[in-house]
């Protein structure tokens, strides 16, 4: 992997470090991430709920709130219609719980991934209307569902769409379309998760209920406990952890560390997180979210929603067991798809293609998205995986930075039956016989946009340091940049000229190293880097990130290796500076 050494303007770095009393390295990283102004950098380092924008900056939020107030005043039936992934489930749970606590008659509907598929459906709308529902609120879906919205209106339902996915020039004719990606949106951030949109809908409704005195203050729920759900769904949906999302997740992780929400406590337990352990974005993304996603990937998503809405701990634990069983099954199915896909690509190398499109009959549709993500990590190509059944090809895709999967599929509408999503992830369906045509079209689009050679992104290195500089204080300073995720990656530093004292592969292909430099010893580990062992020389340069490990509630700090370069002739090749 190529390394790029970041070298921001030294004068700007010194100025920011002086004005905010920061270590130069921290100031340098902030400037490299586009925050050269003290006010902006301070807000990043100290995310605060006070800096959240007015919910009513979202388009149509006022219309949505007004209709819900009328429904509350006349005791009309309200349905919350969500999605089966973690973002959709947390969105549904958040809005449903709030409405329940203020006394609204509310029902939920989550479609079955395999039997119904994503989004609104006519039969579901008809069932809800027959059950007395008057207001239908979508969360994390709806912005592409023109026909079901039309059917709902014919049946006398008012539809409020809250969504964050890309929308076309002509959205469905709903009563309200609350989406930060609308061109007329005044909201300062367009890339909220679905649960973020739901949180601001609840925030606007809460404000209006308070201002109008419609609910006694004692019955008006506090909003901050909902931040745990918001953080879970936001991290799970892999949106940029900057701006508004950074505030929501920073505060929400604190609530995930508490023991007040039974479903979230149970989800932590099955994720092998200590009850008193502070939760990180990485814990959410790699432990909690996959377990919540698993139920909707393989079967009915209701156990996941019921877990999030559980009122008592015993029931939450029972549901947690179901999620853990589904997750184990999900892992097996996913690994099967990835193994088969890699065998196919070994026979027809991925290097020949700019865009990977694979289709097989036996592949489980519920794991295709996450399997595609694994293949993107391996081959660094936009990837679509499809399951074939009854003449149809249904599946999911994932993309790379700089290539919009949604826009590419938008150019293939004549081939597709349906599609939806955003730049880095999408779902789609088409006739089986048109799969080769889709593959050819996407290959051409990728060639035009990505060029002859697709280069893997370089590893951005904040600074080259000496081993003696890697103390615990530096770790604490770098962790001030958390939570980490898309848009705010973990900071990386490099150390050169280290002697390899010992090295071994441990666990599941992890590389354990003991290194020496300038009289100091560094014990470290590289997760998943065991394949690099044969290429190590006697002296190496390493790229490192701070590592916080928790065991039995106790946190220890160290450094994790993310890449290694053998030093040829005593000189490290660190790549170009920026």
Protein backbone atom coordinates (compact mmCIF):
# COMPACT_ATOMS: atom_id res chain seq x y z
CA UNK A 1 0.00 0.00 0.00
CA UNK A 2 1.25 3.47 -0.86
CA UNK A 3 1.70 5.91 2.04
CA UNK A 4 1.01 9.62 1.75
CA UNK A 5 2.60 11.82 4.41
CA UNK A 6 0.35 14.75 5.22
CA UNK A 7 2.17 18.07 5.43
CA UNK A 8 -0.26 20.93 6.05
CA UNK A 9 0.89 24.54 6.10
CA UNK A 10 3.29 24.87 9.08
CA UNK A 11 2.19 28.44 9.78
CA UNK A 12 -1.47 27.42 9.96
CA UNK A 13 -0.52 24.48 12.17
CA UNK A 14 1.41 26.68 14.60
CA UNK A 15 -1.38 29.25 14.70
CA UNK A 16 -4.11 26.68 15.42
CA UNK A 17 -1.98 24.89 18.02
CA UNK A 18 -1.28 28.20 19.78
CA UNK A 19 -4.86 29.50 19.74
CA UNK A 20 -6.43 26.27 20.99
CA UNK A 21 -3.48 25.12 23.13
CA UNK A 22 -3.15 21.89 21.13
CA UNK A 23 -0.19 19.60 20.50
CA UNK A 24 1.21 20.39 17.03
CA UNK A 25 0.36 16.91 15.73
CA UNK A 26 -3.31 17.26 16.67
CA UNK A 27 -3.47 20.71 15.07
CA UNK A 28 -1.80 19.31 11.96
CA UNK A 29 -4.40 16.52 11.66
CA UNK A 30 -7.29 18.96 12.09
CA UNK A 31 -5.95 21.19 9.32
CA UNK A 32 -5.42 18.19 7.03
CA UNK A 33 -9.10 17.37 7.59
CA UNK A 34 -10.22 20.84 6.54
CA UNK A 35 -10.48 22.57 9.91
CA UNK A 36 -8.06 25.49 9.93
CA UNK A 37 -10.32 27.97 11.73
CA UNK A 38 -10.19 27.83 15.57
CA UNK A 39 -13.97 27.97 15.98
CA UNK A 40 -14.48 25.10 13.56
CA UNK A 41 -11.70 22.99 15.13
CA UNK A 42 -12.99 23.65 18.66
CA UNK A 43 -16.51 22.57 17.64
CA UNK A 44 -15.06 19.36 16.18
CA UNK A 45 -13.10 18.53 19.33
CA UNK A 46 -15.99 19.44 21.62
CA UNK A 47 -19.19 18.25 19.87
CA UNK A 48 -22.22 19.60 21.71
CA UNK A 49 -25.97 19.11 21.46
CA UNK A 50 -26.24 22.91 21.64
CA UNK A 51 -24.82 23.02 18.12
CA UNK A 52 -27.54 20.84 16.58
CA UNK A 53 -29.53 22.71 13.92
CA UNK A 54 -33.21 23.58 14.08
CA UNK A 55 -35.22 20.50 12.98
CA UNK A 56 -37.50 22.74 10.93
CA UNK A 57 -34.68 23.44 8.49
CA UNK A 58 -35.53 20.04 7.02
CA UNK A 59 -37.92 20.38 4.06
CA UNK A 60 -41.57 19.62 4.83
CA UNK A 61 -40.87 18.94 8.49
CA UNK A 62 -43.39 21.61 9.42
CA UNK A 63 -46.06 19.88 7.31
CA UNK A 64 -45.21 16.51 8.85
CA UNK A 65 -45.39 17.86 12.40
CA UNK A 66 -48.69 19.68 11.79
CA UNK A 67 -50.33 16.53 10.45
CA UNK A 68 -49.07 14.45 13.38
CA UNK A 69 -50.39 17.06 15.83
CA UNK A 70 -53.83 16.78 14.23
CA UNK A 71 -53.64 12.99 14.47
CA UNK A 72 -52.68 13.21 18.13
CA UNK A 73 -55.48 15.64 18.89
CA UNK A 74 -58.14 13.46 17.26
CA UNK A 75 -56.67 10.08 18.30
CA UNK A 76 -56.18 8.92 14.72
CA UNK A 77 -54.27 5.73 14.03
CA UNK A 78 -50.62 6.24 13.02
CA UNK A 79 -48.38 3.66 11.34
CA UNK A 80 -44.59 3.80 11.33
CA UNK A 81 -43.33 1.98 8.24
CA UNK A 82 -39.63 1.15 8.34
CA UNK A 83 -36.89 -0.98 6.84
CA UNK A 84 -35.30 -4.25 7.90
CA UNK A 85 -31.72 -3.05 8.34
CA UNK A 86 -30.19 -1.50 11.48
CA UNK A 87 -30.86 2.05 10.31
CA UNK A 88 -34.48 1.23 9.53
CA UNK A 89 -35.05 -0.69 12.75
CA UNK A 90 -33.56 2.03 14.96
CA UNK A 91 -35.58 4.66 13.06
CA UNK A 92 -38.79 2.69 13.57
CA UNK A 93 -38.07 2.05 17.24
CA UNK A 94 -37.22 5.70 17.93
CA UNK A 95 -40.36 7.19 16.40
CA UNK A 96 -42.61 4.40 17.71
CA UNK A 97 -41.34 4.65 21.27
CA UNK A 98 -41.82 8.42 21.33
CA UNK A 99 -45.37 8.20 19.95
CA UNK A 100 -46.26 5.46 22.41
CA UNK A 101 -45.00 7.50 25.36
CA UNK A 102 -47.15 10.50 24.42
CA UNK A 103 -50.20 8.25 24.14
CA UNK A 104 -50.61 7.93 20.36
CA UNK A 105 -52.29 4.83 18.89
CA UNK A 106 -49.36 3.61 16.79
CA UNK A 107 -48.61 0.48 14.77
CA UNK A 108 -45.42 -0.61 13.05
CA UNK A 109 -44.78 -2.35 9.76
CA UNK A 110 -41.41 -3.71 8.62
CA UNK A 111 -41.43 -5.60 5.31
CA UNK A 112 -39.80 -9.01 5.02
CA UNK A 113 -36.62 -8.72 2.94
CA UNK A 114 -37.09 -11.99 1.07
CA UNK A 115 -40.89 -12.17 0.81
CA UNK A 116 -41.66 -8.49 0.19
CA UNK A 117 -38.44 -6.58 -0.43
CA UNK A 118 -37.46 -3.02 0.36
CA UNK A 119 -39.82 -0.07 0.57
CA UNK A 120 -43.55 0.58 0.58
CA UNK A 121 -45.85 -2.02 -0.96
CA UNK A 122 -49.48 -1.77 -2.09
CA UNK A 123 -50.60 -4.80 -0.08
CA UNK A 124 -49.08 -3.36 3.09
CA UNK A 125 -50.74 0.00 2.53
CA UNK A 126 -54.08 -1.70 1.95
CA UNK A 127 -53.70 -3.78 5.12
CA UNK A 128 -52.88 -0.71 7.22
CA UNK A 129 -55.80 1.22 5.79
CA UNK A 130 -58.15 -1.68 6.53
CA UNK A 131 -56.87 -1.64 10.12
CA UNK A 132 -57.94 1.98 10.64
CA UNK A 133 -54.64 3.77 10.03
CA UNK A 134 -55.04 7.39 8.92
CA UNK A 135 -51.44 8.62 8.90
CA UNK A 136 -48.58 6.59 7.44
CA UNK A 137 -45.04 7.71 8.33
CA UNK A 138 -42.15 6.06 6.53
CA UNK A 139 -38.67 5.98 8.05
CA UNK A 140 -35.53 5.14 6.05
CA UNK A 141 -37.63 4.41 2.95
CA UNK A 142 -40.39 5.71 0.71
CA UNK A 143 -38.70 8.28 -1.48
CA UNK A 144 -38.89 6.05 -4.58
CA UNK A 145 -42.29 4.47 -3.94
CA UNK A 146 -44.63 6.45 -6.19
CA UNK A 147 -47.30 3.80 -6.76
CA UNK A 148 -47.79 2.74 -3.11
CA UNK A 149 -48.01 6.41 -2.08
CA UNK A 150 -50.65 6.96 -4.74
CA UNK A 151 -52.55 3.89 -3.52
CA UNK A 152 -52.39 5.14 0.07
CA UNK A 153 -53.94 8.46 -0.96
CA UNK A 154 -56.72 6.60 -2.81
CA UNK A 155 -57.48 4.80 0.45
CA UNK A 156 -57.63 8.03 2.45
CA UNK A 157 -54.22 7.82 4.13
CA UNK A 158 -51.97 10.82 4.54
CA UNK A 159 -48.38 9.78 3.84
CA UNK A 160 -45.37 11.41 5.49
CA UNK A 161 -42.10 10.23 3.95
CA UNK A 162 -38.94 10.55 6.03
CA UNK A 163 -35.94 9.21 4.16
CA UNK A 164 -32.30 9.94 3.42
CA UNK A 165 -31.78 8.07 0.17
CA UNK A 166 -31.21 9.75 -3.18
CA UNK A 167 -34.40 11.03 -4.73
CA UNK A 168 -35.27 11.86 -8.29
CA UNK A 169 -36.53 15.11 -9.74
CA UNK A 170 -40.13 14.09 -9.06
CA UNK A 171 -40.58 12.51 -5.60
CA UNK A 172 -43.83 10.76 -4.66
CA UNK A 173 -46.84 13.02 -4.13
CA UNK A 174 -46.98 12.54 -0.38
CA UNK A 175 -48.29 15.03 2.16
CA UNK A 176 -44.67 15.62 3.23
CA UNK A 177 -41.29 14.44 1.95
CA UNK A 178 -38.73 15.02 4.68
CA UNK A 179 -35.33 14.35 3.14
CA UNK A 180 -32.11 16.36 3.66
CA UNK A 181 -31.04 15.51 0.09
CA UNK A 182 -33.86 17.58 -1.40
CA UNK A 183 -32.52 20.47 -3.45
CA UNK A 184 -34.61 22.94 -1.50
CA UNK A 185 -33.37 21.68 1.89
CA UNK A 186 -31.97 24.35 4.23
CA UNK A 187 -30.60 21.73 6.63
CA UNK A 188 -26.80 22.10 6.95
CA UNK A 189 -26.00 18.43 6.27
CA UNK A 190 -27.44 16.28 3.50
CA UNK A 191 -25.95 12.92 4.50
CA UNK A 192 -27.90 12.08 7.64
CA UNK A 193 -28.81 8.46 8.24
CA UNK A 194 -32.49 7.52 8.23
CA UNK A 195 -32.47 7.43 12.03
CA UNK A 196 -31.02 10.95 12.04
CA UNK A 197 -34.00 12.19 10.04
CA UNK A 198 -36.35 10.36 12.42
CA UNK A 199 -34.59 11.96 15.41
CA UNK A 200 -35.13 15.45 14.02
CA UNK A 201 -38.78 14.66 13.23
CA UNK A 202 -39.23 13.67 16.88
CA UNK A 203 -37.33 16.81 17.89
CA UNK A 204 -39.66 19.03 15.87
CA UNK A 205 -42.73 17.23 17.21
CA UNK A 206 -41.43 17.52 20.79
CA UNK A 207 -40.85 21.25 20.39
CA UNK A 208 -44.33 21.84 18.99
CA UNK A 209 -46.01 19.74 21.69
CA UNK A 210 -44.15 21.69 24.37
CA UNK A 211 -44.82 25.12 22.85
CA UNK A 212 -48.53 24.42 22.39
CA UNK A 213 -49.02 22.67 25.71
CA UNK A 214 -50.65 19.65 24.06
CA UNK A 215 -48.92 17.14 26.34
CA UNK A 216 -48.36 17.68 30.08
CA UNK A 217 -44.66 18.30 30.76
CA UNK A 218 -44.47 15.20 32.95
CA UNK A 219 -45.58 13.03 29.99
CA UNK A 220 -43.26 14.60 27.43
CA UNK A 221 -40.29 12.21 27.07
CA UNK A 222 -36.74 13.50 27.22
CA UNK A 223 -35.02 13.37 23.85
CA UNK A 224 -31.48 12.55 24.95
CA UNK A 225 -32.19 8.84 25.70
CA UNK A 226 -33.03 8.44 21.99
CA UNK A 227 -29.46 9.33 21.08
CA UNK A 228 -28.34 5.75 21.77
CA UNK A 229 -30.63 4.46 19.02
CA UNK A 230 -29.55 7.35 16.81
CA UNK A 231 -25.86 6.54 17.23
CA UNK A 232 -26.46 2.85 16.56
CA UNK A 233 -28.34 3.46 13.31
CA UNK A 234 -26.03 6.24 12.12
CA UNK A 235 -22.84 4.23 12.54
CA UNK A 236 -24.50 1.12 11.06
CA UNK A 237 -25.46 3.01 7.90
CA UNK A 238 -21.86 4.17 7.33
CA UNK A 239 -22.58 7.86 6.80
CA UNK A 240 -19.83 10.46 7.36
CA UNK A 241 -19.17 11.03 11.05
CA UNK A 242 -18.76 14.77 10.60
CA UNK A 243 -20.92 17.78 11.38
CA UNK A 244 -24.37 16.90 12.70
CA UNK A 245 -23.67 13.16 12.56
CA UNK A 246 -20.57 13.62 14.72
CA UNK A 247 -22.62 15.36 17.40
CA UNK A 248 -25.36 12.72 17.32
CA UNK A 249 -22.91 9.83 17.52
CA UNK A 250 -20.58 11.42 20.10
CA UNK A 251 -23.48 11.99 22.48
CA UNK A 252 -25.26 8.77 21.54
CA UNK A 253 -22.26 6.58 22.37
CA UNK A 254 -22.44 7.89 25.93
CA UNK A 255 -26.02 6.62 26.18
CA UNK A 256 -25.02 3.25 24.73
CA UNK A 257 -22.61 2.99 27.65
CA UNK A 258 -25.48 3.31 30.14
CA UNK A 259 -27.87 0.62 31.38
CA UNK A 260 -31.20 2.39 30.94
CA UNK A 261 -32.49 0.97 27.63
CA UNK A 262 -33.09 -2.80 28.00
CA UNK A 263 -32.78 -3.66 24.31
CA UNK A 264 -29.50 -1.82 23.91
CA UNK A 265 -28.11 -3.40 27.09
CA UNK A 266 -29.01 -6.86 25.76
CA UNK A 267 -27.45 -6.03 22.40
CA UNK A 268 -24.23 -5.05 24.16
CA UNK A 269 -24.24 -8.31 26.12
CA UNK A 270 -24.51 -10.56 23.07
CA UNK A 271 -21.83 -8.42 21.40
CA UNK A 272 -19.34 -9.36 24.17
CA UNK A 273 -19.18 -5.81 25.49
CA UNK A 274 -18.78 -5.37 29.23
CA UNK A 275 -21.87 -3.73 30.83
CA UNK A 276 -19.81 -0.82 32.19
CA UNK A 277 -17.61 -0.53 29.12
CA UNK A 278 -17.68 2.74 27.14
CA UNK A 279 -18.91 1.99 23.64
CA UNK A 280 -16.94 3.15 20.58
CA UNK A 281 -18.10 3.63 17.00
CA UNK A 282 -16.00 0.58 16.14
CA UNK A 283 -17.90 -1.50 18.73
CA UNK A 284 -21.15 -0.41 17.11
CA UNK A 285 -20.02 -0.98 13.53
CA UNK A 286 -18.33 -4.35 14.01
CA UNK A 287 -20.20 -5.90 16.94
CA UNK A 288 -23.62 -4.44 17.68
CA UNK A 289 -24.88 -3.45 14.23
CA UNK A 290 -24.11 -6.79 12.49
CA UNK A 291 -26.18 -8.64 15.09
CA UNK A 292 -29.12 -6.28 14.68
CA UNK A 293 -28.84 -6.48 10.90
CA UNK A 294 -28.70 -10.27 10.90
CA UNK A 295 -32.38 -10.89 11.72
CA UNK A 296 -33.59 -8.83 8.77
CA UNK A 297 -31.04 -10.32 6.43
CA UNK A 298 -32.20 -13.90 6.97
CA UNK A 299 -35.83 -13.82 8.09
CA UNK A 300 -38.52 -11.62 9.61
CA UNK A 301 -36.97 -8.50 11.20
CA UNK A 302 -39.53 -8.26 13.99
CA UNK A 303 -37.27 -9.77 16.72
CA UNK A 304 -34.84 -6.91 16.12
CA UNK A 305 -37.53 -4.26 16.44
CA UNK A 306 -39.06 -5.98 19.46
CA UNK A 307 -35.63 -6.04 21.11
CA UNK A 308 -35.20 -2.28 20.66
CA UNK A 309 -38.70 -1.63 22.05
CA UNK A 310 -38.46 -4.13 24.93
CA UNK A 311 -39.48 -2.69 28.31
CA UNK A 312 -38.00 -5.38 30.55
CA UNK A 313 -34.56 -6.95 30.64
CA UNK A 314 -35.68 -10.58 30.69
CA UNK A 315 -37.55 -10.26 27.39
CA UNK A 316 -34.68 -8.30 25.87
CA UNK A 317 -32.26 -11.11 26.77
CA UNK A 318 -34.54 -13.71 25.15
CA UNK A 319 -34.63 -11.70 21.95
CA UNK A 320 -30.87 -11.20 22.13
CA UNK A 321 -30.40 -14.96 21.94
CA UNK A 322 -32.40 -15.01 18.68
CA UNK A 323 -30.24 -12.24 17.22
CA UNK A 324 -27.04 -14.07 18.15
CA UNK A 325 -28.26 -17.29 16.51
CA UNK A 326 -29.20 -15.42 13.33
CA UNK A 327 -25.83 -13.69 13.28
CA UNK A 328 -23.95 -16.98 13.46
CA UNK A 329 -26.02 -18.27 10.53
CA UNK A 330 -25.42 -15.01 8.65
CA UNK A 331 -21.64 -15.39 8.99
CA UNK A 332 -21.73 -18.86 7.46
CA UNK A 333 -23.88 -17.79 4.52
CA UNK A 334 -21.77 -14.71 3.91
CA UNK A 335 -18.50 -16.65 3.98
CA UNK A 336 -19.99 -19.16 1.50
CA UNK A 337 -20.85 -16.39 -0.97
CA UNK A 338 -17.46 -14.69 -0.62
CA UNK A 339 -15.59 -18.00 -1.11
CA UNK A 340 -17.58 -18.81 -4.25
CA UNK A 341 -17.17 -15.31 -5.64
CA UNK A 342 -13.41 -15.41 -5.10
CA UNK A 343 -13.17 -18.75 -6.89
CA UNK A 344 -15.07 -17.27 -9.84
CA UNK A 345 -12.77 -14.25 -9.90
CA UNK A 346 -9.68 -16.46 -9.68
CA UNK A 347 -10.78 -18.06 -12.96
CA UNK A 348 -11.73 -14.69 -14.48
CA UNK A 349 -9.43 -12.21 -12.71
CA UNK A 350 -11.00 -9.06 -11.32
CA UNK A 351 -8.12 -7.02 -12.80
CA UNK A 352 -9.75 -7.48 -16.20
CA UNK A 353 -12.85 -5.64 -14.99
CA UNK A 354 -13.53 -2.18 -13.68
CA UNK A 355 -16.87 -3.34 -12.22
CA UNK A 356 -17.59 -6.77 -10.76
CA UNK A 357 -21.06 -8.23 -11.44
CA UNK A 358 -21.68 -11.82 -10.35
CA UNK A 359 -24.93 -13.83 -10.22
CA UNK A 360 -25.72 -17.30 -8.87
CA UNK A 361 -28.89 -19.25 -8.07
CA UNK A 362 -27.89 -20.57 -4.64
CA UNK A 363 -26.79 -17.28 -3.09
CA UNK A 364 -28.86 -16.04 -0.16
CA UNK A 365 -30.14 -12.56 -0.99
CA UNK A 366 -29.94 -11.40 2.59
CA UNK A 367 -26.12 -11.49 2.74
CA UNK A 368 -25.27 -10.18 -0.71
CA UNK A 369 -24.72 -6.59 0.39
CA UNK A 370 -22.24 -7.43 3.13
CA UNK A 371 -20.53 -10.02 0.89
CA UNK A 372 -20.19 -7.37 -1.84
CA UNK A 373 -18.60 -5.08 0.75
CA UNK A 374 -15.99 -7.75 1.54
CA UNK A 375 -15.18 -8.13 -2.16
CA UNK A 376 -14.79 -4.36 -2.52
CA UNK A 377 -12.25 -4.47 0.31
CA UNK A 378 -10.34 -7.27 -1.42
CA UNK A 379 -10.45 -6.16 -5.08
CA UNK A 380 -11.15 -2.42 -4.80
CA UNK A 381 -13.79 -2.56 -7.52
CA UNK A 382 -17.46 -1.54 -7.42
CA UNK A 383 -19.29 -4.84 -6.94
CA UNK A 384 -22.83 -6.13 -7.45
CA UNK A 385 -23.91 -9.61 -6.35
CA UNK A 386 -27.21 -11.06 -7.55
CA UNK A 387 -29.32 -14.05 -6.56
CA UNK A 388 -31.19 -15.74 -9.40
CA UNK A 389 -34.67 -17.17 -8.94
CA UNK A 390 -37.73 -17.61 -11.18
CA UNK A 391 -36.22 -15.56 -13.99
CA UNK A 392 -35.35 -12.60 -11.76
CA UNK A 393 -32.02 -11.32 -10.48
CA UNK A 394 -32.21 -9.55 -7.12
CA UNK A 395 -29.29 -8.29 -5.10
CA UNK A 396 -27.12 -5.56 -3.69
CA UNK A 397 -24.05 -3.57 -4.58
CA UNK A 398 -21.26 -1.68 -2.87
CA UNK A 399 -18.89 0.87 -4.32
CA UNK A 400 -15.56 2.63 -3.77
CA UNK A 401 -14.89 6.25 -2.88
CA UNK A 402 -15.20 8.45 -5.95
CA UNK A 403 -17.66 6.26 -7.86
CA UNK A 404 -21.38 6.77 -7.28
CA UNK A 405 -23.19 3.45 -7.51
CA UNK A 406 -26.56 5.21 -7.46
CA UNK A 407 -25.67 7.42 -10.44
CA UNK A 408 -24.29 4.46 -12.35
CA UNK A 409 -27.50 2.48 -11.84
CA UNK A 410 -29.52 5.56 -12.74
CA UNK A 411 -27.88 5.40 -16.18
CA UNK A 412 -29.05 1.78 -16.53
CA UNK A 413 -32.75 2.31 -15.83
CA UNK A 414 -33.80 0.73 -19.14
CA UNK A 415 -32.24 -2.55 -18.00
CA UNK A 416 -33.47 -2.50 -14.39
CA UNK A 417 -36.87 -3.31 -12.92
CA UNK A 418 -36.11 -1.24 -9.81
CA UNK A 419 -33.21 0.16 -7.81
CA UNK A 420 -32.49 2.49 -4.92
CA UNK A 421 -29.77 3.55 -2.54
CA UNK A 422 -26.95 6.07 -2.47
CA UNK A 423 -23.38 6.60 -3.69
CA UNK A 424 -21.74 3.68 -1.89
CA UNK A 425 -24.56 1.13 -1.55
CA UNK A 426 -27.66 0.15 -3.50
CA UNK A 427 -30.24 -2.57 -4.00
CA UNK A 428 -31.60 -3.60 -7.38
CA UNK A 429 -33.69 -6.05 -9.35
CA UNK A 430 -33.85 -7.00 -13.01
CA UNK A 431 -34.72 -9.83 -15.37
CA UNK A 432 -32.15 -12.64 -15.28
CA UNK A 433 -31.66 -12.45 -19.04
CA UNK A 434 -30.58 -8.80 -18.76
CA UNK A 435 -27.73 -9.41 -16.29
CA UNK A 436 -25.04 -9.55 -19.05
CA UNK A 437 -26.38 -6.28 -20.48
CA UNK A 438 -26.23 -4.63 -17.06
CA UNK A 439 -22.67 -5.91 -16.49
CA UNK A 440 -21.52 -4.53 -19.85
CA UNK A 441 -23.15 -1.16 -19.23
CA UNK A 442 -21.64 -0.80 -15.77
CA UNK A 443 -18.22 -1.86 -17.05
CA UNK A 444 -18.34 0.93 -19.63
CA UNK A 445 -19.52 3.52 -17.09
CA UNK A 446 -16.75 2.52 -14.68
CA UNK A 447 -14.15 2.68 -17.45
CA UNK A 448 -15.27 6.18 -18.42
CA UNK A 449 -15.27 7.46 -14.83
CA UNK A 450 -12.34 5.57 -13.27
CA UNK A 451 -9.97 5.39 -16.23
CA UNK A 452 -7.56 2.72 -17.36
CA UNK A 453 -6.19 1.89 -13.91
CA UNK A 454 -8.07 1.82 -10.63
CA UNK A 455 -5.61 2.73 -7.91
CA UNK A 456 -6.16 1.76 -4.32
CA UNK A 457 -6.41 4.77 -2.03
CA UNK A 458 -3.15 5.64 -0.31
CA UNK A 459 -2.77 5.29 3.43
CA UNK A 460 -2.73 8.81 4.81
CA UNK A 461 -0.04 9.22 7.46
CA UNK A 462 -0.29 12.21 9.78
CA UNK A 463 3.38 12.25 10.77
CA UNK A 464 6.61 10.26 10.92
CA UNK A 465 7.61 9.94 14.57
CA UNK A 466 10.32 8.35 16.66
CA UNK A 467 9.48 5.37 18.83
CA UNK A 468 10.22 7.46 21.91
CA UNK A 469 7.32 9.79 21.00
CA UNK A 470 4.71 7.02 21.20
CA UNK A 471 3.64 7.60 24.78
CA UNK A 472 0.21 7.27 26.35
CA UNK A 473 -0.37 11.01 26.26
CA UNK A 474 -0.09 10.92 22.46
CA UNK A 475 -2.71 8.16 22.37
CA UNK A 476 -5.08 10.22 24.51
CA UNK A 477 -4.57 13.27 22.28
CA UNK A 478 -5.30 11.31 19.10
CA UNK A 479 -8.39 9.72 20.64
CA UNK A 480 -9.82 13.23 21.07
CA UNK A 481 -10.63 12.97 17.35
CA UNK A 482 -13.05 10.07 17.98
CA UNK A 483 -15.64 8.87 17.08
CA UNK A 484 -13.96 7.47 13.99
CA UNK A 485 -15.64 6.34 10.81
CA UNK A 486 -16.30 7.47 7.28
CA UNK A 487 -15.17 11.06 6.83
CA UNK A 488 -13.11 10.91 10.03
CA UNK A 489 -10.72 7.94 9.87
CA UNK A 490 -8.51 6.86 12.73
CA UNK A 491 -5.27 8.89 12.65
CA UNK A 492 -2.17 7.05 11.48
CA UNK A 493 1.47 7.73 12.32
CA UNK A 494 4.60 6.06 10.96
CA UNK A 495 7.81 4.96 12.68
CA UNK A 496 10.89 4.00 10.63
CA UNK A 497 14.07 2.08 11.19
CA UNK A 498 12.71 -0.49 13.62
CA UNK A 499 14.44 -3.79 14.24
CA UNK A 500 12.19 -6.87 14.27
CA UNK A 501 12.97 -8.77 17.47
CA UNK A 502 10.20 -11.33 17.07
CA UNK A 503 7.14 -11.95 14.92
CA UNK A 504 4.43 -14.61 14.79
CA UNK A 505 0.96 -15.24 13.41
CA UNK A 506 -1.63 -15.60 16.18
CA UNK A 507 -5.40 -16.09 16.32
CA UNK A 508 -7.22 -15.55 13.04
CA UNK A 509 -4.25 -14.46 10.90
CA UNK A 510 -3.12 -11.63 13.19
CA UNK A 511 0.54 -10.55 13.16
CA UNK A 512 2.15 -10.15 16.59
CA UNK A 513 5.36 -8.11 16.60
CA UNK A 514 8.06 -7.02 19.00
CA UNK A 515 10.02 -4.10 17.56
CA UNK A 516 13.01 -2.10 18.79
CA UNK A 517 14.20 1.40 18.01
CA UNK A 518 16.51 3.85 19.80
CA UNK A 519 16.70 1.65 22.88
CA UNK A 520 12.92 1.26 23.24
CA UNK A 521 10.71 -1.78 22.73
CA UNK A 522 7.24 -1.77 21.12
CA UNK A 523 4.90 -4.77 21.40
CA UNK A 524 2.11 -4.47 18.87
CA UNK A 525 -0.33 -6.42 16.74
CA UNK A 526 -1.61 -6.15 13.18
CA UNK A 527 -5.12 -7.54 12.85
CA UNK A 528 -5.50 -9.65 9.70
CA UNK A 529 -1.91 -8.95 8.60
CA UNK A 530 -0.56 -12.48 9.06
CA UNK A 531 0.04 -12.83 5.30
CA UNK A 532 2.78 -10.19 5.55
CA UNK A 533 4.98 -12.39 7.75
CA UNK A 534 7.03 -13.98 4.91
CA UNK A 535 7.91 -10.55 3.49
CA UNK A 536 9.28 -9.01 6.68
CA UNK A 537 12.93 -8.06 6.73
CA UNK A 538 15.21 -7.45 9.70
CA UNK A 539 14.29 -3.74 9.69
CA UNK A 540 10.88 -2.26 8.94
CA UNK A 541 8.80 0.88 8.89
CA UNK A 542 5.35 0.55 10.44
CA UNK A 543 2.14 2.54 10.18
CA UNK A 544 0.36 2.62 13.54
CA UNK A 545 -2.95 3.69 15.02
CA UNK A 546 -3.86 4.11 18.69
CA UNK A 547 -5.57 1.07 20.18
CA UNK A 548 -7.81 0.94 23.24
CA UNK A 549 -8.54 -2.62 24.41
CA UNK A 550 -11.09 -3.56 27.07
CA UNK A 551 -10.91 -6.75 29.10
CA UNK A 552 -13.29 -7.41 32.01
CA UNK A 553 -14.13 -3.73 32.15
CA UNK A 554 -10.50 -2.56 32.26
CA UNK A 555 -9.13 -0.45 29.39
CA UNK A 556 -5.52 -0.67 28.27
CA UNK A 557 -3.89 1.45 25.57
CA UNK A 558 -1.34 0.61 22.91
CA UNK A 559 -0.66 0.72 19.19
CA UNK A 560 -2.06 -1.31 16.31
CA UNK A 561 -0.07 -1.95 13.11
CA UNK A 562 -2.07 -1.20 9.96
CA UNK A 563 0.74 -1.62 7.40
CA UNK A 564 4.40 -2.60 7.27
CA UNK A 565 7.15 -1.78 4.79
CA UNK A 566 10.40 -3.70 4.62
CA UNK A 567 13.30 -1.26 4.55
CA UNK A 568 15.45 -1.88 1.49
CA UNK A 569 19.07 -0.88 1.96
CA UNK A 570 18.18 0.82 5.23
CA UNK A 571 15.89 3.34 3.53
CA UNK A 572 12.11 3.28 3.96
CA UNK A 573 9.88 4.00 0.96
CA UNK A 574 7.16 6.16 2.46
CA UNK A 575 5.65 7.50 -0.74
CA UNK A 576 5.00 11.10 -1.64
CA UNK A 577 4.34 13.90 0.82
CA UNK A 578 1.25 16.08 0.60
